[in-house]
Each structure stands twice: as structure tokens, then as C-alpha cells.
Amino acid sequence: MAIVSTLIWEELVRAAGAQKGEALSFDERVTLACRYSRELEHSDPNLNCMEEQMNHFPAAGFHELMGMLAARAKVDRSR
């Protein structure tokens, strides 16, 4: 779940930055992380739905998710 949350949060940061037209500040990233946490991690129905979805998709397996994180880190380091 932590890997999926990290990937989702990174996408939210990128989308919010693209919408704003510039990179988010540290405070904006913290605010976004708090909102994400409130919507998913502190909501039993949303958390249960996320876990159920992860169980139904092969791409949500541990090795696949670690590969996504590694690929993402490699791209970020090359920028």
C-alpha cells in the first residue's frame, strides 16, 4: 500500500504542478500529502476499496510496484 500511495502522490504532485504551471512549493506538497492522507488513509471505505483494487490487478504486485518506483527514480535522477 505504501508503494501505491507514493506513486499516486507523485502523480498528484506532477498534475498539480502542471495545472499551476510551475513546481509546487514545499508547503503546497505538504498540503497535498495531508489531503491525500485524509481522503484515503483515514477513510476506511476508501482504504478498503484501494486494497480490494490492488488485489485484483497483477500490476499491483510487490515486484511490479518496486520496478515502477525504480524506473521513476532513474528518470528523476536523469533530470
C-alpha atoms as a PDB file:
ATOM      1  CA  MET A   1       0.000   0.000   0.000  1.00  0.00           C
ATOM      2  CA  ALA A   2       2.848   2.396   0.773  1.00  0.00           C
ATOM      3  CA  ILE A   3       4.323   1.984  -2.714  1.00  0.00           C
ATOM      4  CA  VAL A   4       0.968   2.631  -4.374  1.00  0.00           C
ATOM      5  CA  SER A   5       0.395   5.680  -2.189  1.00  0.00           C
ATOM      6  CA  THR A   6       3.839   7.004  -3.106  1.00  0.00           C
ATOM      7  CA  LEU A   7       3.162   6.556  -6.830  1.00  0.00           C
ATOM      8  CA  ILE A   8      -0.255   8.183  -6.575  1.00  0.00           C
ATOM      9  CA  TRP A   9       1.060  11.094  -4.524  1.00  0.00           C
ATOM     10  CA  GLU A  10       3.875  11.698  -7.023  1.00  0.00           C
ATOM     11  CA  GLU A  11       1.318  11.784  -9.831  1.00  0.00           C
ATOM     12  CA  LEU A  12      -0.842  14.205  -7.857  1.00  0.00           C
ATOM     13  CA  VAL A  13       2.166  16.491  -7.328  1.00  0.00           C
ATOM     14  CA  ARG A  14       3.011  16.385 -11.034  1.00  0.00           C
ATOM     15  CA  ALA A  15      -0.581  17.063 -12.054  1.00  0.00           C
ATOM     16  CA  ALA A  16      -0.962  19.931  -9.586  1.00  0.00           C
ATOM     17  CA  GLY A  17       2.341  21.415 -10.754  1.00  0.00           C
ATOM     18  CA  ALA A  18       1.283  21.146 -14.389  1.00  0.00           C
ATOM     19  CA  GLN A  19      -2.037  22.773 -13.598  1.00  0.00           C
ATOM     20  CA  LYS A  20      -0.275  25.578 -11.710  1.00  0.00           C
ATOM     21  CA  GLY A  21       2.322  25.977 -14.454  1.00  0.00           C
ATOM     22  CA  GLU A  22       5.282  25.594 -12.091  1.00  0.00           C
ATOM     23  CA  ALA A  23       6.670  23.249  -9.465  1.00  0.00           C
ATOM     24  CA  LEU A  24       4.826  23.110  -6.158  1.00  0.00           C
ATOM     25  CA  SER A  25       6.433  24.641  -3.101  1.00  0.00           C
ATOM     26  CA  PHE A  26       7.277  22.529  -0.085  1.00  0.00           C
ATOM     27  CA  ASP A  27       4.190  23.849   1.746  1.00  0.00           C
ATOM     28  CA  GLU A  28       1.964  23.018  -1.224  1.00  0.00           C
ATOM     29  CA  ARG A  29       3.369  19.477  -1.310  1.00  0.00           C
ATOM     30  CA  VAL A  30       2.716  19.066   2.414  1.00  0.00           C
ATOM     31  CA  THR A  31      -0.856  20.314   1.971  1.00  0.00           C
ATOM     32  CA  LEU A  32      -1.392  17.881  -0.897  1.00  0.00           C
ATOM     33  CA  ALA A  33       0.032  14.997   1.159  1.00  0.00           C
ATOM     34  CA  CYS A  34      -2.312  15.844   4.043  1.00  0.00           C
ATOM     35  CA  ARG A  35      -5.322  15.977   1.732  1.00  0.00           C
ATOM     36  CA  TYR A  36      -4.395  12.646   0.135  1.00  0.00           C
ATOM     37  CA  SER A  37      -3.890  11.062   3.537  1.00  0.00           C
ATOM     38  CA  ARG A  38      -7.226  12.376   4.778  1.00  0.00           C
ATOM     39  CA  GLU A  39      -9.078  11.115   1.690  1.00  0.00           C
ATOM     40  CA  LEU A  40      -7.543   7.650   1.579  1.00  0.00           C
ATOM     41  CA  GLU A  41      -5.624   6.609   4.651  1.00  0.00           C
ATOM     42  CA  HIS A  42      -8.108   7.988   7.178  1.00  0.00           C
ATOM     43  CA  SER A  43     -11.197   6.717   5.383  1.00  0.00           C
ATOM     44  CA  ASP A  44     -11.981   3.056   5.967  1.00  0.00           C
ATOM     45  CA  PRO A  45     -14.285   2.758   2.915  1.00  0.00           C
ATOM     46  CA  ASN A  46     -11.668   4.346   0.608  1.00  0.00           C
ATOM     47  CA  LEU A  47      -8.844   2.317   2.124  1.00  0.00           C
ATOM     48  CA  ASN A  48     -10.808  -0.920   1.775  1.00  0.00           C
ATOM     49  CA  CYS A  49     -11.628  -0.077  -1.844  1.00  0.00           C
ATOM     50  CA  MET A  50      -7.953   0.599  -2.604  1.00  0.00           C
ATOM     51  CA  GLU A  51      -6.885  -2.704  -1.046  1.00  0.00           C
ATOM     52  CA  GLU A  52      -9.562  -4.570  -2.989  1.00  0.00           C
ATOM     53  CA  GLN A  53      -8.461  -2.950  -6.249  1.00  0.00           C
ATOM     54  CA  MET A  54      -4.825  -3.835  -5.555  1.00  0.00           C
ATOM     55  CA  ASN A  55      -5.769  -7.479  -5.036  1.00  0.00           C
ATOM     56  CA  HIS A  56      -7.463  -7.646  -8.459  1.00  0.00           C
ATOM     57  CA  PHE A  57      -4.676  -6.196 -10.610  1.00  0.00           C
ATOM     58  CA  PRO A  58      -1.479  -8.161 -11.336  1.00  0.00           C
ATOM     59  CA  ALA A  59       0.386  -4.882 -11.883  1.00  0.00           C
ATOM     60  CA  ALA A  60      -0.149  -4.132  -8.187  1.00  0.00           C
ATOM     61  CA  GLY A  61       2.178  -6.974  -7.145  1.00  0.00           C
ATOM     62  CA  PHE A  62       5.180  -6.116  -4.990  1.00  0.00           C
ATOM     63  CA  HIS A  63       7.830  -6.762  -7.649  1.00  0.00           C
ATOM     64  CA  GLU A  64       5.931  -4.828 -10.313  1.00  0.00           C
ATOM     65  CA  LEU A  65       5.435  -1.865  -7.997  1.00  0.00           C
ATOM     66  CA  MET A  66       9.086  -1.855  -6.937  1.00  0.00           C
ATOM     67  CA  GLY A  67      10.027  -1.851 -10.613  1.00  0.00           C
ATOM     68  CA  MET A  68       7.817   1.187 -11.194  1.00  0.00           C
ATOM     69  CA  LEU A  69       9.441   3.024  -8.297  1.00  0.00           C
ATOM     70  CA  ALA A  70      12.933   2.146  -9.512  1.00  0.00           C
ATOM     71  CA  ALA A  71      12.124   3.314 -13.042  1.00  0.00           C
ATOM     72  CA  ARG A  72      10.649   6.535 -11.673  1.00  0.00           C
ATOM     73  CA  ALA A  73      13.729   7.177  -9.528  1.00  0.00           C
ATOM     74  CA  LYS A  74      16.001   6.580 -12.524  1.00  0.00           C
ATOM     75  CA  VAL A  75      14.073   9.119 -14.624  1.00  0.00           C
ATOM     76  CA  ASP A  76      14.066  11.670 -11.797  1.00  0.00           C
ATOM     77  CA  ARG A  77      17.845  11.335 -11.330  1.00  0.00           C
ATOM     78  CA  SER A  78      18.484  11.910 -15.022  1.00  0.00           C
ATOM     79  CA  ARG A  79      16.726  15.313 -14.966  1.00  0.00           C
END
